[in-house]
Amino acid sequence: MAHATGNGMIGVAAMGGDAKEVVSTIQDFEQRGIKTAWLTAGAGGIDNLTMFSAAATATERIQLGTSIVTIWPRHPVIAAQQVNAIAQLSGSRLRFGIGPGHIAGMAKTYGADYRTPLTALREYIGITRSLFDTGAVEFEGSVFSANYALPGPVPNTPIMASALRPKSYELCGEIADGAISWVSPAVYLRDKALPAIQRGADKAGRAAPPLVMHLPVCVHENGTEVLASIREQLAHYPRAPFYQAMFAQSGFPEAGEKQTWSAGMRDAVVAWGNEEQVTARIAELIEWGMGELIIHIVTAGADTAGSRARTLDLITELSAK
């Protein structure tokens, strides 16, 4: 079984622009020495596995991580075929993160029969795990079925999964190579997610996989401008019922009451401030047990390009350490 890398490694989300710009961004990350480039399911409306196929031939060292591939529109056999191709092109640098997404988006966009998401995720991991480890699968489940053989195994490909509430973190602890969070307060990850991962690992009798924290970062001193930026760039999440419940469990009921970001939510979720403050916050998160970080750059102020460059320069420096 492959295992995701932990130990506080820092990667960066590479979304933004068209496919050529994304590949160029990944090349820039590699030149900077950043260890992993990540692409989300949306990735600007461009398929992330397809972009990683291109990036695999345009880079040599950087790891390529999906955060995430949604499981409903892509059968696990198709996903395994794509991962197999990218693994061959990249020299096994792909890290496969998957997740069920949310019912509204999956049903509206794909007409998905969204049901029992954790059961579906368990079956998806089982099918792709068998294909990656042995090159073949025979499986009949309640959501997915598969009977297929690849040309061979897909070695060194970790399978990670998105998680939001404790039961999904438990599932990751039990069967995945890592749990990927998103816009969650750090105290929630420390006090709820990490113990849930450990419970799942204990149930399976194995070591706990790392929590891969998806962390918004903004190197910018003006808190009012940072708050305005996350209200614009991350506007969806306080409006989504699953996230509202998670925020309420974290001590921020205002997410559901006002359906927007408060200053307290900003401070709990986003690492912001000057270089010293952001560095200290990232060090604290790693000390709390975050096994790895995916940096999502939030820009603030009038100079968007300068804001992005300032944050990316700091992350480049920290990644080297």
Protein backbone atom coordinates (compact mmCIF):
# COMPACT_ATOMS: atom_id res chain seq x y z
CA MET A 1 0.00 0.00 0.00
CA ALA A 2 1.34 3.43 -0.96
CA HIS A 3 1.51 6.10 1.69
CA ALA A 4 1.18 9.86 1.25
CA THR A 5 4.10 11.99 2.28
CA GLY A 6 3.78 13.94 5.52
CA ASN A 7 6.30 15.70 7.74
CA GLY A 8 5.08 19.21 7.05
CA MET A 9 5.78 19.30 3.31
CA ILE A 10 4.41 22.40 1.60
CA GLY A 11 2.76 22.35 -1.82
CA VAL A 12 0.85 25.05 -3.69
CA ALA A 13 -2.41 25.09 -5.64
CA ALA A 14 -1.65 25.92 -9.28
CA MET A 15 -5.04 27.01 -10.62
CA GLY A 16 -5.55 30.15 -12.65
CA GLY A 17 -5.81 30.89 -16.37
CA ASP A 18 -6.14 28.48 -19.27
CA ALA A 19 -4.46 25.08 -19.55
CA LYS A 20 -1.22 26.51 -20.96
CA GLU A 21 -0.99 29.01 -18.11
CA VAL A 22 -1.58 26.27 -15.54
CA VAL A 23 1.22 24.14 -17.00
CA SER A 24 3.47 27.21 -17.03
CA THR A 25 2.63 27.83 -13.37
CA ILE A 26 3.58 24.24 -12.51
CA GLN A 27 6.88 24.67 -14.35
CA ASP A 28 7.52 27.84 -12.34
CA PHE A 29 6.78 25.96 -9.11
CA GLU A 30 9.30 23.29 -10.05
CA GLN A 31 11.96 25.90 -10.79
CA ARG A 32 11.27 27.44 -7.39
CA GLY A 33 11.77 24.10 -5.67
CA ILE A 34 8.17 23.72 -4.52
CA LYS A 35 7.58 20.04 -3.83
CA THR A 36 3.99 19.52 -5.07
CA ALA A 37 1.63 21.33 -7.44
CA TRP A 38 -2.05 20.72 -6.71
CA LEU A 39 -5.12 21.16 -8.90
CA THR A 40 -8.70 21.18 -7.63
CA ALA A 41 -11.71 19.55 -9.26
CA GLY A 42 -12.80 22.82 -10.83
CA ALA A 43 -9.35 24.08 -11.85
CA GLY A 44 -10.95 26.90 -13.82
CA GLY A 45 -13.30 24.50 -15.62
CA ILE A 46 -10.41 22.49 -17.09
CA ASP A 47 -9.96 18.81 -16.19
CA ASN A 48 -7.11 18.46 -13.70
CA LEU A 49 -5.97 14.98 -14.78
CA THR A 50 -5.75 16.17 -18.38
CA MET A 51 -3.64 19.15 -17.34
CA PHE A 52 -1.37 16.89 -15.31
CA SER A 53 -0.82 14.74 -18.39
CA ALA A 54 0.63 17.82 -20.07
CA ALA A 55 2.53 18.93 -16.97
CA ALA A 56 4.06 15.46 -16.60
CA THR A 57 5.97 15.86 -19.86
CA ALA A 58 6.90 19.50 -19.15
CA THR A 59 8.45 18.88 -15.72
CA GLU A 60 10.94 16.47 -14.19
CA ARG A 61 10.75 16.49 -10.38
CA ILE A 62 7.68 18.19 -8.98
CA GLN A 63 4.91 15.97 -7.61
CA LEU A 64 1.43 16.42 -9.09
CA GLY A 65 -1.57 16.17 -6.76
CA THR A 66 -5.31 16.22 -7.43
CA SER A 67 -7.30 17.89 -4.69
CA ILE A 68 -9.65 16.51 -5.81
CA VAL A 69 -11.03 14.36 -8.64
CA THR A 70 -14.76 13.97 -8.00
CA ILE A 71 -15.90 10.36 -8.09
CA TRP A 72 -19.39 10.64 -9.63
CA PRO A 73 -18.66 11.71 -13.23
CA ARG A 74 -15.66 9.40 -13.69
CA HIS A 75 -15.85 5.62 -13.22
CA PRO A 76 -12.94 4.34 -11.10
CA VAL A 77 -11.65 2.20 -13.99
CA ILE A 78 -11.46 5.28 -16.24
CA ALA A 79 -9.71 7.17 -13.46
CA ALA A 80 -7.20 4.34 -13.03
CA GLN A 81 -6.51 4.31 -16.77
CA GLN A 82 -5.80 8.06 -16.68
CA VAL A 83 -3.66 7.79 -13.56
CA ASN A 84 -1.73 4.93 -15.17
CA ALA A 85 -0.95 7.10 -18.19
CA ILE A 86 0.14 10.06 -16.04
CA ALA A 87 2.26 7.80 -13.84
CA GLN A 88 4.08 6.51 -16.93
CA LEU A 89 4.57 10.01 -18.32
CA SER A 90 5.73 11.49 -15.01
CA GLY A 91 7.79 8.68 -13.55
CA SER A 92 5.19 7.95 -10.84
CA ARG A 93 4.91 11.54 -9.58
CA LEU A 94 1.10 11.65 -9.40
CA ARG A 95 -0.72 11.79 -6.05
CA PHE A 96 -4.35 10.84 -6.52
CA GLY A 97 -6.79 12.76 -4.33
CA ILE A 98 -10.49 11.99 -4.76
CA GLY A 99 -13.79 12.93 -3.15
CA PRO A 100 -17.57 12.86 -3.55
CA GLY A 101 -18.04 16.61 -3.84
CA HIS A 102 -21.42 18.00 -2.77
CA ILE A 103 -24.83 16.79 -3.81
CA ALA A 104 -26.05 20.08 -5.31
CA GLY A 105 -23.13 20.48 -7.68
CA MET A 106 -22.86 16.81 -8.61
CA ALA A 107 -26.58 16.38 -9.30
CA LYS A 108 -26.93 19.67 -11.20
CA THR A 109 -23.74 19.40 -13.25
CA TYR A 110 -23.61 15.68 -14.01
CA GLY A 111 -27.05 14.37 -13.15
CA ALA A 112 -25.25 12.14 -10.65
CA ASP A 113 -27.20 9.65 -8.56
CA TYR A 114 -25.56 11.07 -5.43
CA ARG A 115 -26.16 8.61 -2.58
CA THR A 116 -24.31 7.17 0.39
CA PRO A 117 -21.20 9.28 -0.35
CA LEU A 118 -18.94 7.55 2.18
CA THR A 119 -19.92 4.10 0.88
CA ALA A 120 -19.28 5.33 -2.66
CA LEU A 121 -15.91 6.74 -1.62
CA ARG A 122 -14.95 3.48 0.13
CA GLU A 123 -15.79 1.47 -2.99
CA TYR A 124 -13.95 3.91 -5.28
CA ILE A 125 -10.82 3.69 -3.15
CA GLY A 126 -11.07 -0.09 -3.08
CA ILE A 127 -11.36 -0.41 -6.86
CA THR A 128 -8.55 2.02 -7.66
CA ARG A 129 -6.37 0.54 -4.91
CA SER A 130 -6.70 -2.92 -6.41
CA LEU A 131 -5.88 -1.63 -9.88
CA PHE A 132 -2.89 0.39 -8.66
CA ASP A 133 -1.48 -2.38 -6.46
CA THR A 134 -2.16 -5.46 -8.60
CA GLY A 135 -3.17 -4.19 -12.04
CA ALA A 136 -6.58 -5.88 -11.84
CA VAL A 137 -9.93 -5.72 -10.06
CA GLU A 138 -13.09 -7.78 -9.68
CA PHE A 139 -15.64 -5.96 -7.54
CA GLU A 140 -19.42 -5.73 -7.18
CA GLY A 141 -20.55 -2.98 -4.83
CA SER A 142 -23.71 -1.10 -3.99
CA VAL A 143 -22.57 1.97 -5.95
CA PHE A 144 -19.69 0.91 -8.23
CA SER A 145 -18.81 -2.33 -9.97
CA ALA A 146 -15.64 -3.13 -11.91
CA ASN A 147 -14.02 -6.06 -13.67
CA TYR A 148 -10.88 -4.94 -15.47
CA ALA A 149 -7.13 -5.41 -15.86
CA LEU A 150 -4.56 -2.70 -16.55
CA PRO A 151 -1.33 -3.57 -18.40
CA GLY A 152 0.26 -3.71 -14.94
CA PRO A 153 0.23 -2.12 -11.49
CA VAL A 154 0.60 1.64 -10.99
CA PRO A 155 3.35 1.72 -8.34
CA ASN A 156 3.88 4.44 -5.74
CA THR A 157 0.53 6.13 -6.31
CA PRO A 158 -1.03 7.26 -3.02
CA ILE A 159 -4.81 7.54 -2.84
CA MET A 160 -6.01 10.40 -0.68
CA ALA A 161 -9.55 11.60 -0.08
CA SER A 162 -11.30 14.84 0.77
CA ALA A 163 -12.87 15.14 4.20
CA LEU A 164 -15.06 17.66 6.00
CA ARG A 165 -16.89 16.04 8.91
CA PRO A 166 -15.52 13.49 11.43
CA LYS A 167 -16.96 10.38 9.73
CA SER A 168 -15.16 11.20 6.49
CA TYR A 169 -11.91 11.73 8.41
CA GLU A 170 -12.42 8.35 10.08
CA LEU A 171 -12.81 6.71 6.67
CA CYS A 172 -9.58 8.33 5.51
CA GLY A 173 -7.82 7.09 8.62
CA GLU A 174 -9.07 3.59 7.92
CA ILE A 175 -8.34 3.16 4.20
CA ALA A 176 -6.77 6.24 2.54
CA ASP A 177 -3.20 7.49 2.30
CA GLY A 178 -4.16 10.95 3.50
CA ALA A 179 -7.14 13.17 4.30
CA ILE A 180 -7.44 16.46 2.41
CA SER A 181 -9.25 19.32 4.16
CA TRP A 182 -10.63 22.56 2.74
CA VAL A 183 -11.46 25.95 4.35
CA SER A 184 -11.66 24.45 7.83
CA PRO A 185 -10.60 26.25 11.02
CA ALA A 186 -7.28 24.95 12.27
CA VAL A 187 -8.70 24.24 15.73
CA TYR A 188 -11.38 22.06 14.13
CA LEU A 189 -8.71 20.07 12.30
CA ARG A 190 -6.66 19.74 15.48
CA ASP A 191 -9.53 18.85 17.82
CA LYS A 192 -11.94 16.97 15.53
CA ALA A 193 -10.21 15.82 12.34
CA LEU A 194 -6.94 14.46 13.71
CA PRO A 195 -8.62 12.36 16.43
CA ALA A 196 -11.08 11.01 13.83
CA ILE A 197 -8.23 10.00 11.54
CA GLN A 198 -6.60 8.21 14.46
CA ARG A 199 -9.85 6.38 15.29
CA GLY A 200 -10.10 5.13 11.73
CA ALA A 201 -6.46 4.04 11.72
CA ASP A 202 -6.90 2.24 15.04
CA LYS A 203 -9.93 0.43 13.64
CA ALA A 204 -7.84 -0.80 10.70
CA GLY A 205 -4.81 -1.56 12.88
CA ARG A 206 -2.44 0.68 10.95
CA ALA A 207 -0.52 3.92 11.32
CA ALA A 208 -2.56 7.08 10.86
CA PRO A 209 -2.10 8.72 7.44
CA PRO A 210 -1.35 12.45 7.31
CA LEU A 211 -3.87 15.24 7.35
CA VAL A 212 -3.20 17.35 4.26
CA MET A 213 -4.45 20.80 5.22
CA HIS A 214 -5.65 22.99 2.37
CA LEU A 215 -4.64 26.38 3.77
CA PRO A 216 -5.59 29.79 2.37
CA VAL A 217 -2.60 32.14 2.77
CA CYS A 218 -2.37 35.88 2.25
CA VAL A 219 0.82 37.79 3.05
CA HIS A 220 -0.85 41.14 3.64
CA GLU A 221 -1.05 43.27 6.77
CA ASN A 222 -4.41 44.99 6.23
CA GLY A 223 -6.96 42.70 7.86
CA THR A 224 -9.93 44.59 6.43
CA GLU A 225 -8.64 44.07 2.90
CA VAL A 226 -7.91 40.40 3.61
CA LEU A 227 -11.47 39.92 4.88
CA ALA A 228 -12.88 41.62 1.79
CA SER A 229 -10.79 39.35 -0.42
CA ILE A 230 -11.88 36.09 1.17
CA ARG A 231 -15.50 37.26 1.11
CA GLU A 232 -15.05 37.60 -2.65
CA GLN A 233 -12.69 34.71 -3.46
CA LEU A 234 -14.13 32.14 -1.01
CA ALA A 235 -17.70 33.41 -0.94
CA HIS A 236 -19.43 30.06 -1.46
CA TYR A 237 -18.47 28.25 1.71
CA PRO A 238 -20.40 30.11 4.44
CA ARG A 239 -23.47 29.68 2.22
CA ALA A 240 -23.14 25.88 1.91
CA PRO A 241 -25.03 23.84 4.55
CA PHE A 242 -22.27 21.25 5.11
CA TYR A 243 -19.70 23.99 5.67
CA GLN A 244 -22.09 25.96 7.88
CA ALA A 245 -22.45 22.90 10.11
CA MET A 246 -18.68 22.45 10.27
CA PHE A 247 -18.16 26.13 11.12
CA ALA A 248 -20.83 25.93 13.83
CA GLN A 249 -19.09 22.89 15.31
CA SER A 250 -15.90 24.96 15.30
CA GLY A 251 -17.50 27.81 17.26
CA PHE A 252 -18.55 30.04 14.35
CA PRO A 253 -22.36 29.90 14.09
CA GLU A 254 -22.28 33.21 12.23
CA ALA A 255 -21.43 31.31 9.05
CA GLY A 256 -25.00 30.03 8.93
CA GLU A 257 -26.58 33.12 10.43
CA LYS A 258 -24.96 35.69 8.12
CA GLN A 259 -23.74 33.43 5.29
CA THR A 260 -20.53 35.37 4.94
CA TRP A 261 -17.06 35.41 6.45
CA SER A 262 -16.54 37.07 9.83
CA ALA A 263 -13.22 38.39 11.11
CA GLY A 264 -13.08 35.47 13.51
CA MET A 265 -13.56 32.95 10.70
CA ARG A 266 -10.83 34.71 8.71
CA ASP A 267 -8.38 34.38 11.58
CA ALA A 268 -9.30 30.73 12.18
CA VAL A 269 -9.00 29.62 8.55
CA VAL A 270 -6.57 31.94 6.75
CA ALA A 271 -2.88 32.42 7.52
CA TRP A 272 -2.45 36.17 6.96
CA GLY A 273 -0.27 39.07 8.05
CA ASN A 274 3.33 39.95 7.31
CA GLU A 275 6.00 37.40 6.46
CA GLU A 276 6.92 36.77 10.08
CA GLN A 277 3.31 36.30 11.16
CA VAL A 278 2.49 33.90 8.34
CA THR A 279 5.69 31.93 8.94
CA ALA A 280 4.85 31.59 12.62
CA ARG A 281 1.30 30.48 11.84
CA ILE A 282 2.46 27.80 9.40
CA ALA A 283 5.01 26.54 11.94
CA GLU A 284 2.24 26.37 14.55
CA LEU A 285 -0.01 24.36 12.25
CA ILE A 286 2.73 21.84 11.54
CA GLU A 287 3.40 21.59 15.28
CA TRP A 288 -0.32 20.89 15.81
CA GLY A 289 -0.02 17.84 13.57
CA MET A 290 -0.88 18.98 10.09
CA GLY A 291 1.08 16.42 8.08
CA GLU A 292 1.26 18.50 4.93
CA LEU A 293 0.00 21.84 3.59
CA ILE A 294 -1.61 22.79 0.30
CA ILE A 295 -1.24 26.56 0.04
CA HIS A 296 -4.13 28.35 -1.63
CA ILE A 297 -2.95 31.88 -2.38
CA VAL A 298 -5.45 34.62 -1.54
CA THR A 299 -4.65 38.01 -3.08
CA ALA A 300 -5.54 41.27 -1.33
CA GLY A 301 -5.27 44.95 -2.06
CA ALA A 302 -5.23 46.83 -5.34
CA ASP A 303 -2.07 45.20 -6.72
CA THR A 304 -3.28 41.65 -7.30
CA ALA A 305 -0.15 40.50 -9.12
CA GLY A 306 2.11 41.99 -6.46
CA SER A 307 0.06 40.39 -3.70
CA ARG A 308 0.31 36.96 -5.31
CA ALA A 309 4.05 37.36 -5.88
CA ARG A 310 4.65 38.37 -2.27
CA THR A 311 2.84 35.33 -0.92
CA LEU A 312 4.40 32.95 -3.43
CA ASP A 313 7.90 34.23 -2.64
CA LEU A 314 7.40 33.48 1.06
CA ILE A 315 5.97 30.02 0.35
CA THR A 316 8.93 29.30 -1.94
CA GLU A 317 11.28 30.19 0.91
CA LEU A 318 9.38 28.07 3.43
CA SER A 319 9.07 25.13 1.05
CA ALA A 320 12.85 25.00 0.74
CA LYS A 321 13.11 24.62 4.52
